[in-house]
Amino acid sequence: MTVLSLRELNLSRRAALKHLNKISPQLGTIYRDNRNFDKGPLNHDAVTKLSPSIRHRILLEQEAIRITLLSHSFHNAEKFITEIFWRTYWKGWLEMRPTVWQDYKNQRDQDLINWQNNVRLIKALEGDTGIECFNSWVKELRETNYLHNHARMWFASIWIFTLQLPWTLGADFFLKHLLDGDPASNTLSWRWVAGLQTRGKAYLAVADNIRKFTLGRFNPENDIITTAQPLEWQEPPNPQRILQNEDVKSNVPTLLIVTEDDLSIRDAPLPHSNIVGIISLNSTKDRSITEVSDSVLKFSAEAIEVSVTDYVRVNATHITYISDGPIGEIPKIAHKLGVSQIVSLYSPVGPSQDTVGKVNAITKKQGLPIITIMRDWDTNCWPYATKGFFKFKEAIPTIIKQFNLT
């Protein structure tokens, strides 16, 4: 039997759906009882390995839940469903507090300057710390562009509290190397470990916990700190209101901008019959001001290409497709195609939103502001992310019922 790589499982919607349907019988109590065990590189069968496709919306959150609930009761599949909703929660939380993303970028950029020649940082990034488990995770992340979620938590805790390195640079390291690197999930998870997300609560990696859930592969009993003081607390900004969708004109020539944030464009709420041109904008390189992993760049570029090519093949042969066009040329392209509007599926807070904003500033001057279309999932789920996750979690049964996922 051919074993598909993480990239192959997630590169296309067809492959991701096939894998999800194959493993869905295991996403109940089997997933619940085994998901926390990290068995090592290329041995992560206790989890779905579909996070890259869900992050890029090659596979939609509600699809993953719906398919899972075909095989399980909500009670038995609650752990898996909750993991899906964690991503939605993080995105909603950051969407309502976008300055947290900007603050992270500003602090990261300053820390990159302040720590650029620091030996401790260099050794950590090279996996040369004297902490076996940490070094192994650095190697795994660089070579496979993936880490088990439990390992990500341990890694972040050791980075911040044992190695005493800036959390922003650890978050930057992850975002550059993870295929599923998500601005919201990554930034806020690192903040949570550091004690910046929940007042007075930091996450401390414990040697016994690492030993247990790595099945004895590692036991850093004498290598890691045993106490952790949360970093200095700053009250997060009050949540802003989620934007409402703008009206999309019907029966007019339309240019579609596709980003790496939402690649399920075939079934998206778009004016499909009016689309005469598609421009892809890939902002993966902007995850950091330093070099992003070649494998991550290649994956996002190929995923966009697969999605758009499939869309053009199915919907119409007359659509003009321009891959990663220069943003300054977009008004000229729009004029050449004779379009009356430009639309894009909404990109949440992160590099893509930043890029689309820059394009909008250009096209708006030409009388063609970008109309962003937010999915119903986001408009209905994100407003619940006003406080902590466990308050958000209370709404999950309501959301599942609202979207007829059972």
Protein backbone atom coordinates (compact mmCIF):
# COMPACT_ATOMS: atom_id res chain seq x y z
CA MET A 1 0.00 0.00 0.00
CA THR A 2 1.31 3.45 -0.94
CA VAL A 3 1.68 5.77 2.04
CA LEU A 4 1.08 9.36 1.04
CA SER A 5 3.29 12.10 2.43
CA LEU A 6 1.90 14.99 4.46
CA ARG A 7 2.18 17.16 1.36
CA GLU A 8 0.37 14.65 -0.86
CA LEU A 9 -2.45 14.15 1.67
CA ASN A 10 -3.17 17.85 1.78
CA LEU A 11 -2.28 19.27 -1.62
CA SER A 12 -5.66 18.72 -3.28
CA ARG A 13 -9.23 18.70 -2.10
CA ARG A 14 -9.75 15.27 -3.60
CA ALA A 15 -6.84 13.75 -1.66
CA ALA A 16 -7.84 15.43 1.61
CA LEU A 17 -11.47 14.30 1.36
CA LYS A 18 -10.40 10.77 0.46
CA HIS A 19 -8.12 10.60 3.50
CA LEU A 20 -10.74 12.10 5.81
CA ASN A 21 -13.36 9.57 4.72
CA LYS A 22 -10.83 6.77 5.19
CA ILE A 23 -9.91 7.75 8.75
CA SER A 24 -13.29 9.07 9.95
CA PRO A 25 -14.17 5.78 11.75
CA GLN A 26 -11.13 6.43 13.98
CA LEU A 27 -12.10 9.99 14.96
CA GLY A 28 -14.25 9.02 17.92
CA THR A 29 -12.93 7.33 21.05
CA ILE A 30 -9.81 6.04 19.28
CA TYR A 31 -8.80 9.61 18.48
CA ARG A 32 -9.76 10.77 21.97
CA ASP A 33 -7.63 8.14 23.69
CA ASN A 34 -4.55 8.38 21.45
CA ARG A 35 -4.32 11.92 20.10
CA ASN A 36 -1.90 13.19 22.77
CA PHE A 37 0.79 10.61 22.02
CA ASP A 38 3.70 11.80 19.91
CA LYS A 39 5.33 8.68 18.47
CA GLY A 40 7.97 10.56 16.52
CA PRO A 41 8.67 11.79 12.98
CA LEU A 42 6.48 10.33 10.23
CA ASN A 43 4.60 8.30 12.84
CA HIS A 44 1.60 10.50 13.58
CA ASP A 45 -1.25 8.14 12.74
CA ALA A 46 -3.08 9.00 15.98
CA VAL A 47 -4.04 12.36 14.47
CA THR A 48 -5.57 13.22 11.10
CA LYS A 49 -2.53 14.91 9.49
CA LEU A 50 -5.04 17.12 7.65
CA SER A 51 -4.16 20.39 9.37
CA PRO A 52 -2.45 21.84 6.25
CA SER A 53 -5.56 21.37 4.11
CA ILE A 54 -7.86 22.75 6.82
CA ARG A 55 -5.55 25.71 7.40
CA HIS A 56 -5.64 26.58 3.67
CA ARG A 57 -9.32 25.70 3.43
CA ILE A 58 -8.68 23.07 0.84
CA LEU A 59 -10.95 21.20 3.23
CA LEU A 60 -13.56 23.19 5.16
CA GLU A 61 -14.01 22.99 8.92
CA GLN A 62 -17.69 22.10 8.67
CA GLU A 63 -16.94 19.34 6.15
CA ALA A 64 -14.52 17.70 8.56
CA ILE A 65 -17.13 17.84 11.32
CA ARG A 66 -19.99 16.63 9.11
CA ILE A 67 -18.07 13.63 7.79
CA THR A 68 -16.95 12.72 11.31
CA LEU A 69 -20.49 12.86 12.66
CA LEU A 70 -21.61 10.38 10.00
CA SER A 71 -19.61 7.77 11.92
CA HIS A 72 -19.87 8.98 15.51
CA SER A 73 -22.10 10.62 18.05
CA PHE A 74 -21.16 14.12 19.11
CA HIS A 75 -20.19 12.77 22.53
CA ASN A 76 -17.73 10.23 21.11
CA ALA A 77 -16.26 12.65 18.56
CA GLU A 78 -16.21 15.68 20.84
CA LYS A 79 -12.41 15.79 21.21
CA PHE A 80 -11.85 15.89 17.45
CA ILE A 81 -14.65 18.39 16.89
CA THR A 82 -13.23 20.58 19.65
CA GLU A 83 -9.84 20.60 17.93
CA ILE A 84 -11.49 21.88 14.74
CA PHE A 85 -13.24 24.61 16.69
CA TRP A 86 -10.00 25.68 18.38
CA ARG A 87 -8.76 26.89 14.97
CA THR A 88 -12.03 28.73 14.35
CA TYR A 89 -11.85 30.28 17.81
CA TRP A 90 -8.29 31.53 17.40
CA LYS A 91 -9.14 33.08 14.04
CA GLY A 92 -12.21 34.79 15.46
CA TRP A 93 -10.35 36.04 18.54
CA LEU A 94 -7.60 37.61 16.42
CA GLU A 95 -10.06 38.94 13.85
CA MET A 96 -11.71 41.01 16.55
CA ARG A 97 -8.33 42.16 17.91
CA PRO A 98 -6.16 42.76 14.82
CA THR A 99 -3.70 44.99 16.67
CA VAL A 100 -2.42 41.87 18.47
CA TRP A 101 -1.09 40.62 15.10
CA GLN A 102 0.52 43.96 14.34
CA ASP A 103 2.03 44.12 17.83
CA TYR A 104 3.46 40.62 17.32
CA LYS A 105 5.06 41.62 14.02
CA ASN A 106 6.53 44.79 15.47
CA GLN A 107 7.99 42.96 18.47
CA ARG A 108 9.25 40.10 16.28
CA ASP A 109 11.06 42.51 13.99
CA GLN A 110 12.68 44.27 16.93
CA ASP A 111 13.65 40.96 18.55
CA LEU A 112 15.21 39.76 15.29
CA ILE A 113 17.47 42.80 15.40
CA ASN A 114 18.25 42.58 19.11
CA TRP A 115 19.00 38.83 19.06
CA GLN A 116 20.55 38.40 15.60
CA ASN A 117 23.98 37.30 16.89
CA ASN A 118 22.88 35.64 20.12
CA VAL A 119 24.61 32.28 20.54
CA ARG A 120 21.77 30.79 22.58
CA LEU A 121 19.25 31.64 19.87
CA ILE A 122 21.48 30.33 17.10
CA LYS A 123 22.00 27.03 18.91
CA ALA A 124 18.25 26.68 19.53
CA LEU A 125 17.44 27.24 15.85
CA GLU A 126 20.09 24.68 14.88
CA GLY A 127 18.86 22.09 17.41
CA ASP A 128 22.08 22.24 19.41
CA THR A 129 20.85 22.95 22.93
CA GLY A 130 21.83 19.90 24.98
CA ILE A 131 18.11 19.10 25.39
CA GLU A 132 17.56 15.93 23.38
CA CYS A 133 13.81 16.22 22.87
CA PHE A 134 14.02 19.86 21.83
CA ASN A 135 16.83 19.16 19.37
CA SER A 136 14.81 16.31 17.89
CA TRP A 137 11.77 18.55 17.40
CA VAL A 138 13.88 21.20 15.67
CA LYS A 139 15.16 18.55 13.27
CA GLU A 140 11.68 17.13 12.67
CA LEU A 141 10.20 20.56 12.02
CA ARG A 142 12.92 21.52 9.57
CA GLU A 143 12.80 18.20 7.72
CA THR A 144 9.06 17.41 7.69
CA ASN A 145 7.41 20.82 8.19
CA TYR A 146 5.22 19.33 10.89
CA LEU A 147 5.13 18.79 14.64
CA HIS A 148 2.57 17.01 16.76
CA ASN A 149 0.46 19.54 18.66
CA HIS A 150 1.68 18.25 22.02
CA ALA A 151 5.28 18.67 20.88
CA ARG A 152 4.50 22.23 19.79
CA MET A 153 3.37 23.05 23.33
CA TRP A 154 6.42 21.41 24.93
CA PHE A 155 8.71 23.11 22.43
CA ALA A 156 7.24 26.56 23.09
CA SER A 157 7.46 26.12 26.85
CA ILE A 158 11.11 25.02 26.72
CA TRP A 159 11.92 27.85 24.30
CA ILE A 160 10.39 30.52 26.55
CA PHE A 161 11.08 29.30 30.09
CA THR A 162 14.12 27.01 29.91
CA LEU A 163 16.07 28.63 27.08
CA GLN A 164 14.66 32.06 27.93
CA LEU A 165 14.30 33.16 24.34
CA PRO A 166 11.76 35.68 22.99
CA TRP A 167 8.42 34.02 22.31
CA THR A 168 8.03 36.04 19.13
CA LEU A 169 11.10 34.40 17.59
CA GLY A 170 9.82 30.94 18.45
CA ALA A 171 6.48 31.79 16.86
CA ASP A 172 8.34 33.11 13.83
CA PHE A 173 10.36 29.88 13.58
CA PHE A 174 7.16 27.82 13.60
CA LEU A 175 5.34 30.01 11.09
CA LYS A 176 8.26 29.77 8.65
CA HIS A 177 8.50 25.99 8.80
CA LEU A 178 5.01 24.58 9.38
CA LEU A 179 2.93 23.52 6.36
CA ASP A 180 -0.11 24.34 8.49
CA GLY A 181 1.37 27.61 9.77
CA ASP A 182 -1.63 29.75 10.67
CA PRO A 183 -1.18 33.35 11.85
CA ALA A 184 -3.97 33.16 14.42
CA SER A 185 -3.44 29.65 15.80
CA ASN A 186 0.33 30.02 15.88
CA THR A 187 0.56 33.51 17.36
CA LEU A 188 -2.11 33.00 20.00
CA SER A 189 -0.90 29.52 20.99
CA TRP A 190 2.56 30.93 21.66
CA ARG A 191 0.99 33.78 23.62
CA TRP A 192 -1.00 31.21 25.62
CA VAL A 193 2.12 29.21 26.51
CA ALA A 194 3.88 32.42 27.54
CA GLY A 195 1.04 33.46 29.84
CA LEU A 196 0.03 36.41 27.67
CA GLN A 197 -3.31 35.03 26.51
CA THR A 198 -4.84 34.04 29.86
CA ARG A 199 -3.94 36.20 32.84
CA GLY A 200 -1.68 34.44 35.34
CA LYS A 201 -1.59 31.15 33.40
CA ALA A 202 1.46 29.91 31.54
CA TYR A 203 2.03 26.41 30.15
CA LEU A 204 4.94 24.54 31.70
CA ALA A 205 6.39 21.49 29.94
CA VAL A 206 6.90 18.74 32.54
CA ALA A 207 9.46 15.96 32.09
CA ASP A 208 7.09 13.18 33.23
CA ASN A 209 4.45 14.36 30.78
CA ILE A 210 6.97 14.38 27.93
CA ARG A 211 8.20 10.91 28.91
CA LYS A 212 4.65 9.52 29.07
CA PHE A 213 3.35 10.98 25.82
CA THR A 214 6.49 10.27 23.80
CA LEU A 215 6.28 6.65 25.00
CA GLY A 216 9.61 6.97 26.76
CA ARG A 217 11.54 8.30 23.78
CA PHE A 218 12.48 11.35 25.84
CA ASN A 219 12.80 12.14 29.53
CA PRO A 220 14.29 15.62 30.04
CA GLU A 221 14.12 15.34 33.82
CA ASN A 222 17.35 17.22 34.45
CA ASP A 223 17.24 19.43 31.36
CA ILE A 224 14.19 21.66 31.66
CA ILE A 225 12.97 24.21 34.15
CA THR A 226 10.39 23.07 36.71
CA THR A 227 8.68 26.41 37.38
CA ALA A 228 7.42 29.11 35.05
CA GLN A 229 6.48 32.70 35.72
CA PRO A 230 4.07 34.09 33.09
CA LEU A 231 5.48 36.91 31.03
CA GLU A 232 4.39 40.43 31.84
CA TRP A 233 0.64 40.70 31.31
CA GLN A 234 -0.92 43.31 29.06
CA GLU A 235 -4.67 43.62 28.82
CA PRO A 236 -5.76 42.65 25.29
CA PRO A 237 -7.81 45.16 23.31
CA ASN A 238 -11.59 45.02 23.45
CA PRO A 239 -13.10 42.93 20.65
CA GLN A 240 -14.19 44.77 17.52
CA ARG A 241 -17.29 43.87 15.57
CA ILE A 242 -16.96 41.37 12.74
CA LEU A 243 -17.38 43.07 9.36
CA GLN A 244 -20.52 42.36 7.36
CA ASN A 245 -20.37 41.21 3.76
CA GLU A 246 -20.69 43.83 1.06
CA ASP A 247 -23.15 43.41 -1.79
CA VAL A 248 -21.81 41.63 -4.85
CA LYS A 249 -23.20 42.77 -8.19
CA SER A 250 -24.88 40.16 -10.33
CA ASN A 251 -24.43 39.70 -14.07
CA VAL A 252 -21.32 41.86 -14.43
CA PRO A 253 -17.82 40.77 -15.49
CA THR A 254 -15.89 39.92 -12.34
CA LEU A 255 -12.24 39.44 -11.43
CA LEU A 256 -11.58 36.93 -8.64
CA ILE A 257 -8.54 37.24 -6.39
CA VAL A 258 -7.53 33.93 -4.82
CA THR A 259 -5.22 33.71 -1.80
CA GLU A 260 -3.71 30.75 0.04
CA ASP A 261 -6.17 31.30 2.90
CA ASP A 262 -9.22 29.83 1.12
CA LEU A 263 -8.80 27.34 -1.70
CA SER A 264 -12.26 25.71 -1.70
CA ILE A 265 -13.34 28.09 -4.41
CA ARG A 266 -15.51 25.68 -6.40
CA ASP A 267 -18.20 25.64 -3.72
CA ALA A 268 -17.62 29.14 -2.37
CA PRO A 269 -20.32 31.85 -2.32
CA LEU A 270 -18.98 33.55 -5.45
CA PRO A 271 -20.62 34.95 -8.62
CA HIS A 272 -19.29 31.95 -10.54
CA SER A 273 -20.99 32.58 -13.88
CA ASN A 274 -19.64 36.13 -14.02
CA ILE A 275 -15.96 35.42 -13.31
CA VAL A 276 -13.85 36.22 -16.37
CA GLY A 277 -10.46 36.37 -14.70
CA ILE A 278 -8.58 34.98 -11.72
CA ILE A 279 -5.43 36.36 -10.13
CA SER A 280 -3.72 34.41 -7.37
CA LEU A 281 -1.88 36.25 -4.63
CA ASN A 282 0.38 34.08 -2.51
CA SER A 283 1.57 35.80 0.68
CA THR A 284 3.27 32.78 2.25
CA LYS A 285 6.67 34.43 1.85
CA ASP A 286 5.37 37.23 4.08
CA ARG A 287 4.89 34.97 7.08
CA SER A 288 8.25 36.37 8.17
CA ILE A 289 10.70 39.08 7.20
CA THR A 290 13.33 36.33 7.10
CA GLU A 291 13.42 33.34 4.79
CA VAL A 292 10.43 30.99 4.82
CA SER A 293 11.02 27.25 4.28
CA ASP A 294 11.24 26.29 0.59
CA SER A 295 8.93 23.34 1.23
CA VAL A 296 6.28 25.62 2.75
CA LEU A 297 6.53 28.06 -0.15
CA LYS A 298 6.30 25.23 -2.67
CA PHE A 299 3.30 23.65 -0.94
CA SER A 300 1.22 26.83 -0.88
CA ALA A 301 2.10 27.67 -4.49
CA GLU A 302 1.17 24.17 -5.68
CA ALA A 303 -2.03 24.14 -3.61
CA ILE A 304 -3.17 27.40 -5.19
CA GLU A 305 -2.29 26.11 -8.65
CA VAL A 306 -4.21 22.85 -8.12
CA SER A 307 -7.27 24.66 -6.78
CA VAL A 308 -7.48 27.32 -9.48
CA THR A 309 -6.68 24.94 -12.33
CA ASP A 310 -9.43 22.62 -11.13
CA TYR A 311 -11.85 25.54 -10.88
CA VAL A 312 -11.12 26.75 -14.40
CA ARG A 313 -11.43 23.22 -15.79
CA VAL A 314 -14.83 22.64 -14.19
CA ASN A 315 -16.42 26.06 -14.58
CA ALA A 316 -15.30 27.65 -17.81
CA THR A 317 -12.55 27.59 -20.38
CA HIS A 318 -12.77 31.34 -21.04
CA ILE A 319 -11.42 32.39 -17.64
CA THR A 320 -8.06 34.13 -17.76
CA TYR A 321 -5.76 32.92 -14.98
CA ILE A 322 -2.71 34.89 -13.88
CA SER A 323 -0.56 33.24 -11.22
CA ASP A 324 0.86 35.50 -8.53
CA GLY A 325 0.53 38.65 -10.62
CA PRO A 326 2.33 41.84 -9.55
CA ILE A 327 -0.09 43.79 -7.40
CA GLY A 328 0.69 47.06 -9.18
CA GLU A 329 -0.49 45.54 -12.47
CA ILE A 330 -3.89 44.40 -11.22
CA PRO A 331 -5.79 47.59 -12.27
CA LYS A 332 -4.40 47.18 -15.82
CA ILE A 333 -5.39 43.52 -15.88
CA ALA A 334 -8.88 44.40 -14.63
CA HIS A 335 -9.23 47.07 -17.32
CA LYS A 336 -8.01 44.70 -20.04
CA LEU A 337 -10.57 42.09 -18.98
CA GLY A 338 -13.32 44.70 -18.85
CA VAL A 339 -14.39 43.80 -15.33
CA SER A 340 -16.89 45.82 -13.29
CA GLN A 341 -15.94 44.42 -9.90
CA ILE A 342 -13.16 42.59 -8.07
CA VAL A 343 -14.05 40.00 -5.44
CA SER A 344 -12.07 37.83 -3.03
CA LEU A 345 -12.93 35.32 -0.36
CA TYR A 346 -12.20 36.98 2.96
CA SER A 347 -8.71 36.46 4.34
CA PRO A 348 -8.54 36.57 8.14
CA VAL A 349 -5.93 38.62 9.97
CA GLY A 350 -2.49 37.68 8.68
CA PRO A 351 -0.19 38.13 5.67
CA SER A 352 -2.91 37.56 3.05
CA GLN A 353 -5.19 40.15 4.59
CA ASP A 354 -2.25 42.55 4.62
CA THR A 355 -1.59 41.90 0.92
CA VAL A 356 -5.23 42.17 -0.14
CA GLY A 357 -5.39 45.46 1.75
CA LYS A 358 -2.44 46.79 -0.26
CA VAL A 359 -4.09 45.71 -3.52
CA ASN A 360 -7.37 47.29 -2.48
CA ALA A 361 -5.61 50.60 -1.85
CA ILE A 362 -4.42 50.50 -5.49
CA THR A 363 -7.61 49.28 -7.20
CA LYS A 364 -9.86 51.54 -5.14
CA LYS A 365 -8.21 54.56 -6.73
CA GLN A 366 -9.34 53.13 -10.09
CA GLY A 367 -12.92 52.81 -8.90
CA LEU A 368 -12.63 49.06 -8.28
CA PRO A 369 -12.49 48.39 -4.54
CA ILE A 370 -12.12 44.73 -3.64
CA ILE A 371 -15.34 43.21 -2.35
CA THR A 372 -14.43 40.60 0.24
CA ILE A 373 -16.84 37.73 0.82
CA MET A 374 -16.83 36.14 4.25
CA ARG A 375 -18.11 32.60 4.58
CA ASP A 376 -21.19 31.93 6.72
CA TRP A 377 -19.04 29.77 8.99
CA ASP A 378 -16.91 32.75 9.93
CA THR A 379 -19.71 35.29 10.23
CA ASN A 380 -21.59 32.95 12.56
CA CYS A 381 -18.71 31.47 14.59
CA TRP A 382 -16.25 34.31 15.05
CA PRO A 383 -18.57 36.59 17.08
CA TYR A 384 -18.58 33.95 19.84
CA ALA A 385 -14.82 34.45 20.34
CA THR A 386 -15.17 37.46 22.62
CA LYS A 387 -13.66 35.76 25.67
CA GLY A 388 -11.85 32.48 26.45
CA PHE A 389 -12.26 29.23 24.54
CA PHE A 390 -14.41 27.54 27.15
CA LYS A 391 -17.00 30.29 26.82
CA PHE A 392 -16.80 29.86 23.05
CA LYS A 393 -17.16 26.10 23.46
CA GLU A 394 -20.65 26.53 24.92
CA ALA A 395 -21.82 27.63 21.47
CA ILE A 396 -20.55 24.54 19.62
CA PRO A 397 -23.81 22.53 19.84
CA THR A 398 -25.73 25.57 18.59
CA ILE A 399 -23.34 26.01 15.65
CA ILE A 400 -23.51 22.33 14.73
CA LYS A 401 -27.30 22.50 14.71
CA GLN A 402 -27.32 25.77 12.76
CA PHE A 403 -25.17 24.26 10.00
CA ASN A 404 -27.04 20.91 9.99
CA LEU A 405 -23.85 18.97 10.61
CA THR A 406 -25.56 15.95 12.17
